[in-house]
Amino acid sequence: MNGWAELDRFLHTDPQDVGCDKAMAMLHVYVELVAQEAGAEQRYPGIAAHLRACGPCSEDFEGLLAAVCGQLD
């Protein structure tokens, strides 16, 4: 492997993407806003951008959202 795929992915990263550390630090807040349909993407566009791009963080988001929504039922 020559690293071109990784470079291409990096060059196409949304400039608003906050990265894993910041997204995970605020994930619980973001999930609560999504669960309440309170405009999470508008309030935290960097987290939304990151979750679109990062599979592992997106999986954590989906799991936490499922847990929170299960509590709301």
C-alpha atoms as a PDB file:
ATOM      1  CA  MET A   1       0.000   0.000   0.000  1.00  0.00           C
ATOM      2  CA  ASN A   2       1.334   3.393  -0.937  1.00  0.00           C
ATOM      3  CA  GLY A   3      -0.811   5.617   1.301  1.00  0.00           C
ATOM      4  CA  TRP A   4      -2.684   7.369  -1.513  1.00  0.00           C
ATOM      5  CA  ALA A   5      -6.084   6.282  -0.191  1.00  0.00           C
ATOM      6  CA  GLU A   6      -5.337   7.776   3.235  1.00  0.00           C
ATOM      7  CA  LEU A   7      -4.071  11.000   1.671  1.00  0.00           C
ATOM      8  CA  ASP A   8      -7.149  11.246  -0.549  1.00  0.00           C
ATOM      9  CA  ARG A   9      -9.457  10.701   2.443  1.00  0.00           C
ATOM     10  CA  PHE A  10      -7.571  13.376   4.414  1.00  0.00           C
ATOM     11  CA  LEU A  11      -7.795  15.883   1.573  1.00  0.00           C
ATOM     12  CA  HIS A  12     -11.558  15.354   1.343  1.00  0.00           C
ATOM     13  CA  THR A  13     -12.148  15.787   5.070  1.00  0.00           C
ATOM     14  CA  ASP A  14     -14.763  18.393   5.894  1.00  0.00           C
ATOM     15  CA  PRO A  15     -12.911  21.387   7.377  1.00  0.00           C
ATOM     16  CA  GLN A  16     -15.574  21.584  10.099  1.00  0.00           C
ATOM     17  CA  ASP A  17     -14.754  18.044  11.309  1.00  0.00           C
ATOM     18  CA  VAL A  18     -13.735  18.369  14.967  1.00  0.00           C
ATOM     19  CA  GLY A  19     -11.989  15.001  15.180  1.00  0.00           C
ATOM     20  CA  CYS A  20     -12.500  12.026  17.443  1.00  0.00           C
ATOM     21  CA  ASP A  21     -11.425  13.562  20.751  1.00  0.00           C
ATOM     22  CA  LYS A  22     -13.740  16.568  20.610  1.00  0.00           C
ATOM     23  CA  ALA A  23     -16.626  14.582  19.143  1.00  0.00           C
ATOM     24  CA  MET A  24     -16.407  11.969  21.900  1.00  0.00           C
ATOM     25  CA  ALA A  25     -16.136  14.635  24.596  1.00  0.00           C
ATOM     26  CA  MET A  26     -19.483  16.115  23.495  1.00  0.00           C
ATOM     27  CA  LEU A  27     -21.190  12.987  22.182  1.00  0.00           C
ATOM     28  CA  HIS A  28     -23.562  12.681  25.135  1.00  0.00           C
ATOM     29  CA  VAL A  29     -24.800  16.247  24.595  1.00  0.00           C
ATOM     30  CA  TYR A  30     -25.139  15.720  20.852  1.00  0.00           C
ATOM     31  CA  VAL A  31     -27.086  12.483  21.355  1.00  0.00           C
ATOM     32  CA  GLU A  32     -29.514  14.160  23.755  1.00  0.00           C
ATOM     33  CA  LEU A  33     -30.179  16.907  21.206  1.00  0.00           C
ATOM     34  CA  VAL A  34     -30.728  14.366  18.426  1.00  0.00           C
ATOM     35  CA  ALA A  35     -33.097  12.365  20.643  1.00  0.00           C
ATOM     36  CA  GLN A  36     -35.080  15.526  21.390  1.00  0.00           C
ATOM     37  CA  GLU A  37     -34.984  16.658  17.735  1.00  0.00           C
ATOM     38  CA  ALA A  38     -33.473  19.914  18.948  1.00  0.00           C
ATOM     39  CA  GLY A  39     -31.244  20.841  16.000  1.00  0.00           C
ATOM     40  CA  ALA A  40     -28.072  18.989  16.942  1.00  0.00           C
ATOM     41  CA  GLU A  41     -26.479  19.370  13.498  1.00  0.00           C
ATOM     42  CA  GLN A  42     -27.088  23.112  13.475  1.00  0.00           C
ATOM     43  CA  ARG A  43     -25.715  23.591  16.992  1.00  0.00           C
ATOM     44  CA  TYR A  44     -22.720  21.272  16.523  1.00  0.00           C
ATOM     45  CA  PRO A  45     -21.866  21.128  12.809  1.00  0.00           C
ATOM     46  CA  GLY A  46     -18.331  19.933  13.549  1.00  0.00           C
ATOM     47  CA  ILE A  47     -19.603  16.889  15.389  1.00  0.00           C
ATOM     48  CA  ALA A  48     -22.111  16.164  12.617  1.00  0.00           C
ATOM     49  CA  ALA A  49     -19.305  16.384  10.046  1.00  0.00           C
ATOM     50  CA  HIS A  50     -17.151  14.063  12.090  1.00  0.00           C
ATOM     51  CA  LEU A  51     -19.870  11.463  12.545  1.00  0.00           C
ATOM     52  CA  ARG A  52     -20.440  11.391   8.774  1.00  0.00           C
ATOM     53  CA  ALA A  53     -16.751  10.680   8.204  1.00  0.00           C
ATOM     54  CA  CYS A  54     -15.699   8.429  11.092  1.00  0.00           C
ATOM     55  CA  GLY A  55     -17.130   4.922  11.205  1.00  0.00           C
ATOM     56  CA  PRO A  56     -16.090   4.047  14.776  1.00  0.00           C
ATOM     57  CA  CYS A  57     -17.415   7.307  16.239  1.00  0.00           C
ATOM     58  CA  SER A  58     -20.602   6.952  14.221  1.00  0.00           C
ATOM     59  CA  GLU A  59     -21.092   3.475  15.680  1.00  0.00           C
ATOM     60  CA  ASP A  60     -20.645   4.873  19.199  1.00  0.00           C
ATOM     61  CA  PHE A  61     -23.188   7.585  18.383  1.00  0.00           C
ATOM     62  CA  GLU A  62     -25.723   5.060  17.085  1.00  0.00           C
ATOM     63  CA  GLY A  63     -25.301   2.863  20.155  1.00  0.00           C
ATOM     64  CA  LEU A  64     -25.668   5.720  22.596  1.00  0.00           C
ATOM     65  CA  LEU A  65     -28.651   7.084  20.684  1.00  0.00           C
ATOM     66  CA  ALA A  66     -30.316   3.663  20.802  1.00  0.00           C
ATOM     67  CA  ALA A  67     -29.719   3.483  24.544  1.00  0.00           C
ATOM     68  CA  VAL A  68     -31.104   6.984  25.132  1.00  0.00           C
ATOM     69  CA  CYS A  69     -34.130   6.433  22.897  1.00  0.00           C
ATOM     70  CA  GLY A  70     -34.823   3.136  24.630  1.00  0.00           C
ATOM     71  CA  GLN A  71     -34.972   5.021  27.911  1.00  0.00           C
ATOM     72  CA  LEU A  72     -37.385   7.555  26.431  1.00  0.00           C
ATOM     73  CA  ASP A  73     -39.929   4.936  25.299  1.00  0.00           C
END
